[in-house]
Amino acid sequence: MSVIDSENNFASQITIGITGASGTPYAVELIKQLVNNNIQVFVIISSAARVVFKTEADIDVPGHPQKATEFFTEFFNAKSQQITVFGKDEWFSPVASGSAAPKQMVVIPCSTGTLSSIAVGASDNLLERAADVVIKERGQLIIVPRETPFSSIHLENMLKLSNLGVTIMPAAPGFYHQPKSIEDLVQFMVARVLDHLQINQQIVPRWGYTKS
C-alpha cells in the first residue's frame, strides 16, 4: 500500500502513537496542529486508545485502519493522504523500517505499559516497533506519559530512555499563562511538543513573549 504522494508537497512526516492512557485531547490537538502545519501524519492507535477516545471525547474511531484513516481525514479536514492510520500488525508499513520511517515520532499519551515495552525494545506491535526504529536510527522520539504517581519502575524506564536520547515530557501543563479552560491546558502541552519538534506554533506564547 502506497501512502506517500510527493505531489502533495508535505512539509515533513511525523509518526503519532496513541495508547490507552488518559489524555485523548492531547493527541487530538497535536494531530490538528500538525495537519494545519502541512505535516503528513502516520497514526498508530491501540485498541485501548479507541476505548479512551470514546470515554473521554465521545469519538468513535473505527477499528479498521482504512476506515480510521478516512474518519481522521474528515475529522481533521486533512488533505488526501495527509493522515494514514496503520494497524498494529502492519509490518510492511513505512514506520516499521529504518529505510522509510519518519525521523520524528511522538507517543501521546503514552501508557506506562507501552513505556516499558519501548524501554526494553519489545517491538511486539507496530507502535513499539516504530518507536524502536526511531531510536535505532538516531531520530527524535518524544514520549508523553500520563500517569501519577510514577513508581520506581516507571522512573527507571524513563531514565533508560532519556539516556538513549528520548525526550520524556510528562503531561504536566503549567499555569503561568493563566489558563481559562481545559483547552488552554491541553494546548500548553501540545505547544511544548511542537516546540521540541521545531514546528512553529502560535497557540501558546513562549516565556517572555506575548500572544499575538
C-alpha atoms as a PDB file:
ATOM      1  CA  MET A   1       0.000   0.000   0.000  1.00  0.00           C
ATOM      2  CA  SER A   2       1.432   3.361  -1.033  1.00  0.00           C
ATOM      3  CA  VAL A   3       0.916   6.180   1.459  1.00  0.00           C
ATOM      4  CA  ILE A   4       3.367   8.763   0.151  1.00  0.00           C
ATOM      5  CA  ASP A   5       2.282  11.170  -2.557  1.00  0.00           C
ATOM      6  CA  SER A   6       5.102  13.562  -3.382  1.00  0.00           C
ATOM      7  CA  GLU A   7       2.742  15.786  -5.358  1.00  0.00           C
ATOM      8  CA  ASN A   8       1.127  16.935  -2.120  1.00  0.00           C
ATOM      9  CA  ASN A   9       4.413  18.546  -1.054  1.00  0.00           C
ATOM     10  CA  PHE A  10       4.013  17.944   2.671  1.00  0.00           C
ATOM     11  CA  ALA A  11       6.485  19.852   4.808  1.00  0.00           C
ATOM     12  CA  SER A  12       7.610  16.687   6.599  1.00  0.00           C
ATOM     13  CA  GLN A  13       6.373  13.413   8.091  1.00  0.00           C
ATOM     14  CA  ILE A  14       5.773  12.559  11.745  1.00  0.00           C
ATOM     15  CA  THR A  15       4.540   9.358  13.376  1.00  0.00           C
ATOM     16  CA  ILE A  16       1.996   9.676  16.189  1.00  0.00           C
ATOM     17  CA  GLY A  17       1.451   6.766  18.557  1.00  0.00           C
ATOM     18  CA  ILE A  18      -1.673   6.848  20.727  1.00  0.00           C
ATOM     19  CA  THR A  19      -2.053   4.412  23.626  1.00  0.00           C
ATOM     20  CA  GLY A  20      -4.773   3.691  26.159  1.00  0.00           C
ATOM     21  CA  ALA A  21      -3.543   6.150  28.778  1.00  0.00           C
ATOM     22  CA  SER A  22      -5.834   9.017  29.699  1.00  0.00           C
ATOM     23  CA  GLY A  23      -5.181  12.096  27.596  1.00  0.00           C
ATOM     24  CA  THR A  24      -7.136  11.859  24.344  1.00  0.00           C
ATOM     25  CA  PRO A  25      -7.366  15.681  23.995  1.00  0.00           C
ATOM     26  CA  TYR A  26      -3.575  15.914  23.763  1.00  0.00           C
ATOM     27  CA  ALA A  27      -3.459  13.564  20.782  1.00  0.00           C
ATOM     28  CA  VAL A  28      -6.380  15.280  19.068  1.00  0.00           C
ATOM     29  CA  GLU A  29      -4.885  18.758  19.451  1.00  0.00           C
ATOM     30  CA  LEU A  30      -1.434  17.641  18.309  1.00  0.00           C
ATOM     31  CA  ILE A  31      -2.750  15.991  15.147  1.00  0.00           C
ATOM     32  CA  LYS A  32      -4.844  19.086  14.418  1.00  0.00           C
ATOM     33  CA  GLN A  33      -1.796  21.330  14.729  1.00  0.00           C
ATOM     34  CA  LEU A  34       0.329  19.044  12.552  1.00  0.00           C
ATOM     35  CA  VAL A  35      -2.334  18.975   9.854  1.00  0.00           C
ATOM     36  CA  ASN A  36      -2.567  22.770   9.974  1.00  0.00           C
ATOM     37  CA  ASN A  37       1.213  22.912   9.503  1.00  0.00           C
ATOM     38  CA  ASN A  38       1.059  20.736   6.377  1.00  0.00           C
ATOM     39  CA  ILE A  39       2.719  17.747   8.054  1.00  0.00           C
ATOM     40  CA  GLN A  40       1.990  14.235   6.826  1.00  0.00           C
ATOM     41  CA  VAL A  41       0.918  12.198   9.845  1.00  0.00           C
ATOM     42  CA  PHE A  42       1.231   8.444  10.281  1.00  0.00           C
ATOM     43  CA  VAL A  43      -1.008   7.341  13.163  1.00  0.00           C
ATOM     44  CA  ILE A  44      -0.823   4.147  15.201  1.00  0.00           C
ATOM     45  CA  ILE A  45      -3.681   3.868  17.662  1.00  0.00           C
ATOM     46  CA  SER A  46      -4.133   0.967  20.061  1.00  0.00           C
ATOM     47  CA  SER A  47      -7.456  -0.755  20.696  1.00  0.00           C
ATOM     48  CA  ALA A  48      -7.355   0.549  24.274  1.00  0.00           C
ATOM     49  CA  ALA A  49      -6.858   4.073  22.930  1.00  0.00           C
ATOM     50  CA  ARG A  50     -10.021   3.772  20.851  1.00  0.00           C
ATOM     51  CA  VAL A  51     -11.920   2.959  24.068  1.00  0.00           C
ATOM     52  CA  VAL A  52     -10.422   6.030  25.744  1.00  0.00           C
ATOM     53  CA  PHE A  53     -11.328   8.186  22.724  1.00  0.00           C
ATOM     54  CA  LYS A  54     -14.947   7.184  23.230  1.00  0.00           C
ATOM     55  CA  THR A  55     -14.817   7.623  27.001  1.00  0.00           C
ATOM     56  CA  GLU A  56     -13.028  10.972  27.148  1.00  0.00           C
ATOM     57  CA  ALA A  57     -14.084  12.674  23.917  1.00  0.00           C
ATOM     58  CA  ASP A  58     -17.119  10.727  22.715  1.00  0.00           C
ATOM     59  CA  ILE A  59     -15.234   9.997  19.488  1.00  0.00           C
ATOM     60  CA  ASP A  60     -15.825   6.617  17.827  1.00  0.00           C
ATOM     61  CA  VAL A  61     -12.633   5.736  15.989  1.00  0.00           C
ATOM     62  CA  PRO A  62     -13.196   2.832  13.562  1.00  0.00           C
ATOM     63  CA  GLY A  63     -11.176  -0.289  14.251  1.00  0.00           C
ATOM     64  CA  HIS A  64     -10.261  -0.936  10.615  1.00  0.00           C
ATOM     65  CA  PRO A  65      -7.161   1.108   9.618  1.00  0.00           C
ATOM     66  CA  GLN A  66      -8.557   2.258   6.266  1.00  0.00           C
ATOM     67  CA  LYS A  67     -11.854   3.362   7.818  1.00  0.00           C
ATOM     68  CA  ALA A  68      -9.938   5.067  10.623  1.00  0.00           C
ATOM     69  CA  THR A  69      -7.847   6.865   8.013  1.00  0.00           C
ATOM     70  CA  GLU A  70     -10.974   8.112   6.279  1.00  0.00           C
ATOM     71  CA  PHE A  71     -12.502   9.105   9.611  1.00  0.00           C
ATOM     72  CA  PHE A  72      -9.477  11.125  10.766  1.00  0.00           C
ATOM     73  CA  THR A  73      -9.038  12.723   7.348  1.00  0.00           C
ATOM     74  CA  GLU A  74     -12.578  14.059   7.531  1.00  0.00           C
ATOM     75  CA  PHE A  75     -12.440  14.851  11.260  1.00  0.00           C
ATOM     76  CA  PHE A  76      -9.293  16.984  10.884  1.00  0.00           C
ATOM     77  CA  ASN A  77     -10.199  18.315   7.434  1.00  0.00           C
ATOM     78  CA  ALA A  78      -6.898  16.953   6.169  1.00  0.00           C
ATOM     79  CA  LYS A  79      -5.635  16.684   2.612  1.00  0.00           C
ATOM     80  CA  SER A  80      -5.783  13.410   0.730  1.00  0.00           C
ATOM     81  CA  GLN A  81      -3.091  11.062   2.102  1.00  0.00           C
ATOM     82  CA  GLN A  82      -2.100  13.570   4.772  1.00  0.00           C
ATOM     83  CA  ILE A  83      -3.227  11.184   7.523  1.00  0.00           C
ATOM     84  CA  THR A  84      -2.715   7.428   7.364  1.00  0.00           C
ATOM     85  CA  VAL A  85      -3.693   5.093  10.189  1.00  0.00           C
ATOM     86  CA  PHE A  86      -1.817   1.802  10.436  1.00  0.00           C
ATOM     87  CA  GLY A  87      -2.953  -1.334  12.218  1.00  0.00           C
ATOM     88  CA  LYS A  88      -0.843  -2.851  14.974  1.00  0.00           C
ATOM     89  CA  ASP A  89       0.274  -5.730  12.737  1.00  0.00           C
ATOM     90  CA  GLU A  90       1.030  -3.817   9.528  1.00  0.00           C
ATOM     91  CA  TRP A  91       4.685  -4.782   9.469  1.00  0.00           C
ATOM     92  CA  PHE A  92       5.108  -3.701   5.840  1.00  0.00           C
ATOM     93  CA  SER A  93       4.158  -0.094   6.608  1.00  0.00           C
ATOM     94  CA  PRO A  94       6.830   2.633   6.322  1.00  0.00           C
ATOM     95  CA  VAL A  95       7.063   3.156  10.090  1.00  0.00           C
ATOM     96  CA  ALA A  96       8.324  -0.415  10.569  1.00  0.00           C
ATOM     97  CA  SER A  97      11.578   0.115   8.685  1.00  0.00           C
ATOM     98  CA  GLY A  98      14.501   2.429   9.215  1.00  0.00           C
ATOM     99  CA  SER A  99      14.720   2.969   5.472  1.00  0.00           C
ATOM    100  CA  ALA A 100      11.275   4.578   5.279  1.00  0.00           C
ATOM    101  CA  ALA A 101      10.064   5.664   8.725  1.00  0.00           C
ATOM    102  CA  PRO A 102       9.768   9.358   9.639  1.00  0.00           C
ATOM    103  CA  LYS A 103      12.684  10.561  11.744  1.00  0.00           C
ATOM    104  CA  GLN A 104      10.318  12.059  14.310  1.00  0.00           C
ATOM    105  CA  MET A 105       7.732  10.299  16.459  1.00  0.00           C
ATOM    106  CA  VAL A 106       5.532  11.284  19.401  1.00  0.00           C
ATOM    107  CA  VAL A 107       3.731   8.814  21.662  1.00  0.00           C
ATOM    108  CA  ILE A 108       0.907  10.854  23.157  1.00  0.00           C
ATOM    109  CA  PRO A 109      -0.457   9.913  25.596  1.00  0.00           C
ATOM    110  CA  CYS A 110       1.882   7.071  26.490  1.00  0.00           C
ATOM    111  CA  SER A 111       0.829   4.382  28.952  1.00  0.00           C
ATOM    112  CA  THR A 112       3.427   3.054  31.368  1.00  0.00           C
ATOM    113  CA  GLY A 113       2.987  -0.373  29.775  1.00  0.00           C
ATOM    114  CA  THR A 114       3.991   0.979  26.376  1.00  0.00           C
ATOM    115  CA  LEU A 115       6.783   2.968  28.023  1.00  0.00           C
ATOM    116  CA  SER A 116       8.127  -0.270  29.490  1.00  0.00           C
ATOM    117  CA  SER A 117       7.904  -2.119  26.165  1.00  0.00           C
ATOM    118  CA  ILE A 118       9.750   0.648  24.331  1.00  0.00           C
ATOM    119  CA  ALA A 119      12.426   0.748  27.034  1.00  0.00           C
ATOM    120  CA  VAL A 120      13.205  -2.954  26.607  1.00  0.00           C
ATOM    121  CA  GLY A 121      12.856  -2.977  22.812  1.00  0.00           C
ATOM    122  CA  ALA A 122       9.984  -5.474  22.832  1.00  0.00           C
ATOM    123  CA  SER A 123       8.548  -4.463  19.429  1.00  0.00           C
ATOM    124  CA  ASP A 124       5.518  -6.694  19.989  1.00  0.00           C
ATOM    125  CA  ASN A 125       3.278  -4.414  17.916  1.00  0.00           C
ATOM    126  CA  LEU A 126       3.725  -1.720  15.285  1.00  0.00           C
ATOM    127  CA  LEU A 127       3.692   1.177  17.744  1.00  0.00           C
ATOM    128  CA  GLU A 128       6.517  -0.346  19.763  1.00  0.00           C
ATOM    129  CA  ARG A 129       8.421  -1.238  16.592  1.00  0.00           C
ATOM    130  CA  ALA A 130       8.018   2.284  15.203  1.00  0.00           C
ATOM    131  CA  ALA A 131       9.473   3.732  18.410  1.00  0.00           C
ATOM    132  CA  ASP A 132      12.307   1.205  18.300  1.00  0.00           C
ATOM    133  CA  VAL A 133      13.082   2.231  14.716  1.00  0.00           C
ATOM    134  CA  VAL A 134      13.290   5.916  15.621  1.00  0.00           C
ATOM    135  CA  ILE A 135      15.663   5.122  18.496  1.00  0.00           C
ATOM    136  CA  LYS A 136      17.937   2.880  16.439  1.00  0.00           C
ATOM    137  CA  GLU A 137      18.040   5.372  13.571  1.00  0.00           C
ATOM    138  CA  ARG A 138      19.008   8.155  15.993  1.00  0.00           C
ATOM    139  CA  GLY A 139      15.818  10.060  15.246  1.00  0.00           C
ATOM    140  CA  GLN A 140      13.695  12.146  17.598  1.00  0.00           C
ATOM    141  CA  LEU A 141      11.303  10.296  19.883  1.00  0.00           C
ATOM    142  CA  ILE A 142       9.087  12.229  22.300  1.00  0.00           C
ATOM    143  CA  ILE A 143       7.128  10.306  24.911  1.00  0.00           C
ATOM    144  CA  VAL A 144       4.270  11.958  26.823  1.00  0.00           C
ATOM    145  CA  PRO A 145       3.456   9.663  29.753  1.00  0.00           C
ATOM    146  CA  ARG A 146       0.188  10.232  31.607  1.00  0.00           C
ATOM    147  CA  GLU A 147       0.305   8.545  34.985  1.00  0.00           C
ATOM    148  CA  THR A 148       0.508   9.583  38.618  1.00  0.00           C
ATOM    149  CA  PRO A 149       2.266   8.839  40.811  1.00  0.00           C
ATOM    150  CA  PHE A 150       5.248   7.330  38.990  1.00  0.00           C
ATOM    151  CA  SER A 151       6.677   4.178  40.524  1.00  0.00           C
ATOM    152  CA  SER A 152      10.404   3.453  40.615  1.00  0.00           C
ATOM    153  CA  ILE A 153       9.830   1.081  37.686  1.00  0.00           C
ATOM    154  CA  HIS A 154       8.306   3.896  35.612  1.00  0.00           C
ATOM    155  CA  LEU A 155      11.106   6.287  36.549  1.00  0.00           C
ATOM    156  CA  GLU A 156      13.814   3.741  35.759  1.00  0.00           C
ATOM    157  CA  ASN A 157      12.286   3.129  32.336  1.00  0.00           C
ATOM    158  CA  MET A 158      12.134   6.872  31.679  1.00  0.00           C
ATOM    159  CA  LEU A 159      15.756   7.315  32.756  1.00  0.00           C
ATOM    160  CA  LYS A 160      16.841   4.477  30.476  1.00  0.00           C
ATOM    161  CA  LEU A 161      15.086   6.054  27.507  1.00  0.00           C
ATOM    162  CA  SER A 162      16.309   9.537  28.383  1.00  0.00           C
ATOM    163  CA  ASN A 163      19.882   8.231  28.381  1.00  0.00           C
ATOM    164  CA  LEU A 164      19.208   6.971  24.845  1.00  0.00           C
ATOM    165  CA  GLY A 165      18.202  10.449  23.720  1.00  0.00           C
ATOM    166  CA  VAL A 166      14.433  10.104  24.067  1.00  0.00           C
ATOM    167  CA  THR A 167      12.602  13.207  25.294  1.00  0.00           C
ATOM    168  CA  ILE A 168      10.345  12.427  28.249  1.00  0.00           C
ATOM    169  CA  MET A 169       7.634  15.063  28.507  1.00  0.00           C
ATOM    170  CA  PRO A 170       5.022  14.142  31.146  1.00  0.00           C
ATOM    171  CA  ALA A 171       1.546  15.560  30.616  1.00  0.00           C
ATOM    172  CA  ALA A 172       2.028  18.253  33.247  1.00  0.00           C
ATOM    173  CA  PRO A 173       0.706  21.582  31.934  1.00  0.00           C
ATOM    174  CA  GLY A 174       1.844  24.820  33.508  1.00  0.00           C
ATOM    175  CA  PHE A 175      -0.361  27.599  34.871  1.00  0.00           C
ATOM    176  CA  TYR A 176       1.776  30.697  34.447  1.00  0.00           C
ATOM    177  CA  HIS A 177      -0.075  31.556  31.226  1.00  0.00           C
ATOM    178  CA  GLN A 178      -3.281  31.806  33.305  1.00  0.00           C
ATOM    179  CA  PRO A 179      -5.359  29.126  31.560  1.00  0.00           C
ATOM    180  CA  LYS A 180      -9.078  29.746  31.442  1.00  0.00           C
ATOM    181  CA  SER A 181     -10.199  26.348  30.153  1.00  0.00           C
ATOM    182  CA  ILE A 182      -9.232  22.707  29.736  1.00  0.00           C
ATOM    183  CA  GLU A 183      -8.388  23.553  26.137  1.00  0.00           C
ATOM    184  CA  ASP A 184      -5.807  26.063  27.366  1.00  0.00           C
ATOM    185  CA  LEU A 185      -4.142  23.354  29.469  1.00  0.00           C
ATOM    186  CA  VAL A 186      -4.142  20.905  26.559  1.00  0.00           C
ATOM    187  CA  GLN A 187      -2.685  23.494  24.205  1.00  0.00           C
ATOM    188  CA  PHE A 188       0.089  24.262  26.693  1.00  0.00           C
ATOM    189  CA  MET A 189       1.355  20.685  26.463  1.00  0.00           C
ATOM    190  CA  VAL A 190       0.893  20.444  22.708  1.00  0.00           C
ATOM    191  CA  ALA A 191       2.745  23.726  22.244  1.00  0.00           C
ATOM    192  CA  ARG A 192       5.711  22.309  24.172  1.00  0.00           C
ATOM    193  CA  VAL A 193       5.687  19.217  21.966  1.00  0.00           C
ATOM    194  CA  LEU A 194       5.586  21.378  18.831  1.00  0.00           C
ATOM    195  CA  ASP A 195       8.467  23.472  20.156  1.00  0.00           C
ATOM    196  CA  HIS A 196      10.583  20.347  20.557  1.00  0.00           C
ATOM    197  CA  LEU A 197       9.613  19.180  17.075  1.00  0.00           C
ATOM    198  CA  GLN A 198      10.775  22.603  15.856  1.00  0.00           C
ATOM    199  CA  ILE A 199       7.381  23.324  14.344  1.00  0.00           C
ATOM    200  CA  ASN A 200       6.197  26.901  14.500  1.00  0.00           C
ATOM    201  CA  GLN A 201       3.247  27.309  16.841  1.00  0.00           C
ATOM    202  CA  GLN A 202       1.152  30.315  17.815  1.00  0.00           C
ATOM    203  CA  ILE A 203      -1.208  28.661  20.291  1.00  0.00           C
ATOM    204  CA  VAL A 204       0.815  29.416  23.437  1.00  0.00           C
ATOM    205  CA  PRO A 205       3.431  32.199  23.635  1.00  0.00           C
ATOM    206  CA  ARG A 206       6.938  31.288  24.753  1.00  0.00           C
ATOM    207  CA  TRP A 207       8.120  32.664  28.064  1.00  0.00           C
ATOM    208  CA  GLY A 208       8.872  36.356  27.806  1.00  0.00           C
ATOM    209  CA  TYR A 209       6.738  36.860  24.713  1.00  0.00           C
ATOM    210  CA  THR A 210       3.130  37.935  24.404  1.00  0.00           C
ATOM    211  CA  LYS A 211       0.500  36.104  22.374  1.00  0.00           C
ATOM    212  CA  SER A 212      -0.322  37.975  19.187  1.00  0.00           C
END
